């Protein structure tokens, strides 16, 4: 009987507790790696850019198109990966004079 309960607890640990701990660690790592200038999405779906991080109060100030809003760190759902925009190269096309009518 004791072996059954131990087996049941072991299965519950690997199916419920362990994945939840991994997910919490991943979220904590994401929050600790945030820096001003990162594009983020809050749990309410608000998109903004981090303007300021207050470590003592665990708050973040977001710049949402000129409106500054303060949230707790745990209100950040994800950091959006932005790809840097490469400068456009200038393409010079040569004109052919062979096909022009005279």
C-alpha atoms as a PDB file:
ATOM      1  CA  UNK A   1       0.000   0.000   0.000  1.00  0.00           C
ATOM      2  CA  UNK A   2       2.839   2.398   0.861  1.00  0.00           C
ATOM      3  CA  UNK A   3       4.543   1.566  -2.433  1.00  0.00           C
ATOM      4  CA  UNK A   4       1.336   2.543  -4.273  1.00  0.00           C
ATOM      5  CA  UNK A   5       1.246   5.976  -2.595  1.00  0.00           C
ATOM      6  CA  UNK A   6       4.965   6.493  -3.279  1.00  0.00           C
ATOM      7  CA  UNK A   7       4.409   5.609  -6.935  1.00  0.00           C
ATOM      8  CA  UNK A   8       1.387   7.920  -7.099  1.00  0.00           C
ATOM      9  CA  UNK A   9       3.374  10.789  -5.577  1.00  0.00           C
ATOM     10  CA  UNK A  10       6.245  10.141  -8.008  1.00  0.00           C
ATOM     11  CA  UNK A  11       3.919  10.278 -11.006  1.00  0.00           C
ATOM     12  CA  UNK A  12       2.280  13.475  -9.716  1.00  0.00           C
ATOM     13  CA  UNK A  13       5.704  15.044  -9.213  1.00  0.00           C
ATOM     14  CA  UNK A  14       6.855  14.348 -12.767  1.00  0.00           C
ATOM     15  CA  UNK A  15       3.544  15.292 -14.386  1.00  0.00           C
ATOM     16  CA  UNK A  16       2.562  18.385 -12.370  1.00  0.00           C
ATOM     17  CA  UNK A  17       5.116  19.823  -9.967  1.00  0.00           C
ATOM     18  CA  UNK A  18       8.333  19.537 -11.991  1.00  0.00           C
ATOM     19  CA  UNK A  19       7.005  21.217 -15.207  1.00  0.00           C
ATOM     20  CA  UNK A  20       5.495  24.024 -13.127  1.00  0.00           C
ATOM     21  CA  UNK A  21       8.849  24.672 -11.444  1.00  0.00           C
ATOM     22  CA  UNK A  22      10.598  24.745 -14.832  1.00  0.00           C
ATOM     23  CA  UNK A  23       8.071  27.230 -16.184  1.00  0.00           C
ATOM     24  CA  UNK A  24       8.430  29.478 -13.097  1.00  0.00           C
ATOM     25  CA  UNK A  25      12.231  29.435 -13.427  1.00  0.00           C
ATOM     26  CA  UNK A  26      11.992  30.332 -17.123  1.00  0.00           C
ATOM     27  CA  UNK A  27       9.670  33.274 -16.331  1.00  0.00           C
ATOM     28  CA  UNK A  28      11.987  34.494 -13.548  1.00  0.00           C
ATOM     29  CA  UNK A  29      14.988  34.336 -15.885  1.00  0.00           C
ATOM     30  CA  UNK A  30      13.087  36.353 -18.504  1.00  0.00           C
ATOM     31  CA  UNK A  31      12.173  39.030 -15.962  1.00  0.00           C
ATOM     32  CA  UNK A  32      15.739  39.298 -14.691  1.00  0.00           C
ATOM     33  CA  UNK A  33      17.136  39.770 -18.215  1.00  0.00           C
ATOM     34  CA  UNK A  34      14.922  42.731 -19.122  1.00  0.00           C
ATOM     35  CA  UNK A  35      16.616  46.037 -19.818  1.00  0.00           C
ATOM     36  CA  UNK A  36      15.513  49.507 -20.944  1.00  0.00           C
ATOM     37  CA  UNK A  37      14.757  49.570 -24.650  1.00  0.00           C
ATOM     38  CA  UNK A  38      13.269  46.057 -24.810  1.00  0.00           C
ATOM     39  CA  UNK A  39       9.876  45.681 -26.480  1.00  0.00           C
ATOM     40  CA  UNK A  40       7.496  43.833 -24.138  1.00  0.00           C
ATOM     41  CA  UNK A  41       3.890  42.669 -23.928  1.00  0.00           C
ATOM     42  CA  UNK A  42       2.008  42.796 -20.609  1.00  0.00           C
ATOM     43  CA  UNK A  43      -0.386  40.116 -19.369  1.00  0.00           C
ATOM     44  CA  UNK A  44      -3.219  42.401 -20.488  1.00  0.00           C
ATOM     45  CA  UNK A  45      -1.872  42.566 -24.053  1.00  0.00           C
ATOM     46  CA  UNK A  46      -0.409  46.082 -23.904  1.00  0.00           C
ATOM     47  CA  UNK A  47       2.672  46.558 -26.107  1.00  0.00           C
ATOM     48  CA  UNK A  48       5.381  48.985 -25.064  1.00  0.00           C
ATOM     49  CA  UNK A  49       9.068  49.727 -24.699  1.00  0.00           C
ATOM     50  CA  UNK A  50      10.766  49.563 -21.303  1.00  0.00           C
ATOM     51  CA  UNK A  51      11.801  53.073 -20.290  1.00  0.00           C
ATOM     52  CA  UNK A  52      12.877  52.491 -16.691  1.00  0.00           C
ATOM     53  CA  UNK A  53      13.287  49.563 -14.285  1.00  0.00           C
ATOM     54  CA  UNK A  54      12.957  50.192 -10.535  1.00  0.00           C
ATOM     55  CA  UNK A  55      14.627  47.252  -8.765  1.00  0.00           C
ATOM     56  CA  UNK A  56      13.668  48.329  -5.235  1.00  0.00           C
ATOM     57  CA  UNK A  57       9.914  48.476  -5.961  1.00  0.00           C
ATOM     58  CA  UNK A  58       9.981  45.734  -8.642  1.00  0.00           C
ATOM     59  CA  UNK A  59       8.243  48.058 -11.086  1.00  0.00           C
ATOM     60  CA  UNK A  60       8.769  48.852 -14.741  1.00  0.00           C
ATOM     61  CA  UNK A  61       7.848  52.032 -16.598  1.00  0.00           C
ATOM     62  CA  UNK A  62       6.684  51.393 -20.161  1.00  0.00           C
ATOM     63  CA  UNK A  63       6.616  53.909 -22.977  1.00  0.00           C
ATOM     64  CA  UNK A  64       3.461  53.236 -24.986  1.00  0.00           C
ATOM     65  CA  UNK A  65       3.697  55.723 -27.860  1.00  0.00           C
ATOM     66  CA  UNK A  66       4.443  58.673 -25.595  1.00  0.00           C
ATOM     67  CA  UNK A  67       2.313  57.563 -22.640  1.00  0.00           C
ATOM     68  CA  UNK A  68       4.335  56.317 -19.685  1.00  0.00           C
ATOM     69  CA  UNK A  69       2.711  53.598 -17.582  1.00  0.00           C
ATOM     70  CA  UNK A  70       4.100  51.872 -14.487  1.00  0.00           C
ATOM     71  CA  UNK A  71       3.598  48.130 -13.989  1.00  0.00           C
ATOM     72  CA  UNK A  72       4.916  45.532 -11.609  1.00  0.00           C
ATOM     73  CA  UNK A  73       7.595  43.289 -13.095  1.00  0.00           C
ATOM     74  CA  UNK A  74       5.382  40.226 -12.865  1.00  0.00           C
ATOM     75  CA  UNK A  75       2.866  41.905 -15.218  1.00  0.00           C
ATOM     76  CA  UNK A  76       5.205  41.351 -18.168  1.00  0.00           C
ATOM     77  CA  UNK A  77       4.112  38.316 -20.178  1.00  0.00           C
ATOM     78  CA  UNK A  78       6.863  38.214 -22.780  1.00  0.00           C
ATOM     79  CA  UNK A  79       9.707  40.077 -24.381  1.00  0.00           C
ATOM     80  CA  UNK A  80       9.181  40.525 -28.101  1.00  0.00           C
ATOM     81  CA  UNK A  81      12.188  39.637 -30.198  1.00  0.00           C
ATOM     82  CA  UNK A  82      12.847  42.485 -32.567  1.00  0.00           C
ATOM     83  CA  UNK A  83      15.126  42.048 -35.529  1.00  0.00           C
ATOM     84  CA  UNK A  84      17.337  45.004 -36.356  1.00  0.00           C
ATOM     85  CA  UNK A  85      16.432  46.620 -39.641  1.00  0.00           C
ATOM     86  CA  UNK A  86      19.335  46.609 -42.044  1.00  0.00           C
ATOM     87  CA  UNK A  87      19.910  49.821 -43.987  1.00  0.00           C
ATOM     88  CA  UNK A  88      18.553  49.587 -47.487  1.00  0.00           C
ATOM     89  CA  UNK A  89      21.090  49.250 -50.216  1.00  0.00           C
ATOM     90  CA  UNK A  90      20.874  51.610 -53.142  1.00  0.00           C
ATOM     91  CA  UNK A  91      20.309  49.801 -56.396  1.00  0.00           C
ATOM     92  CA  UNK A  92      21.398  51.623 -59.536  1.00  0.00           C
ATOM     93  CA  UNK A  93      19.728  50.500 -62.714  1.00  0.00           C
ATOM     94  CA  UNK A  94      21.470  51.243 -65.968  1.00  0.00           C
ATOM     95  CA  UNK A  95      19.236  52.464 -68.745  1.00  0.00           C
ATOM     96  CA  UNK A  96      19.627  50.877 -72.086  1.00  0.00           C
ATOM     97  CA  UNK A  97      19.511  53.235 -75.086  1.00  0.00           C
ATOM     98  CA  UNK A  98      19.078  50.421 -77.604  1.00  0.00           C
ATOM     99  CA  UNK A  99      15.307  50.077 -77.240  1.00  0.00           C
ATOM    100  CA  UNK A 100      14.472  53.788 -77.383  1.00  0.00           C
ATOM    101  CA  UNK A 101      12.804  55.106 -80.562  1.00  0.00           C
ATOM    102  CA  UNK A 102      14.572  57.970 -82.313  1.00  0.00           C
END
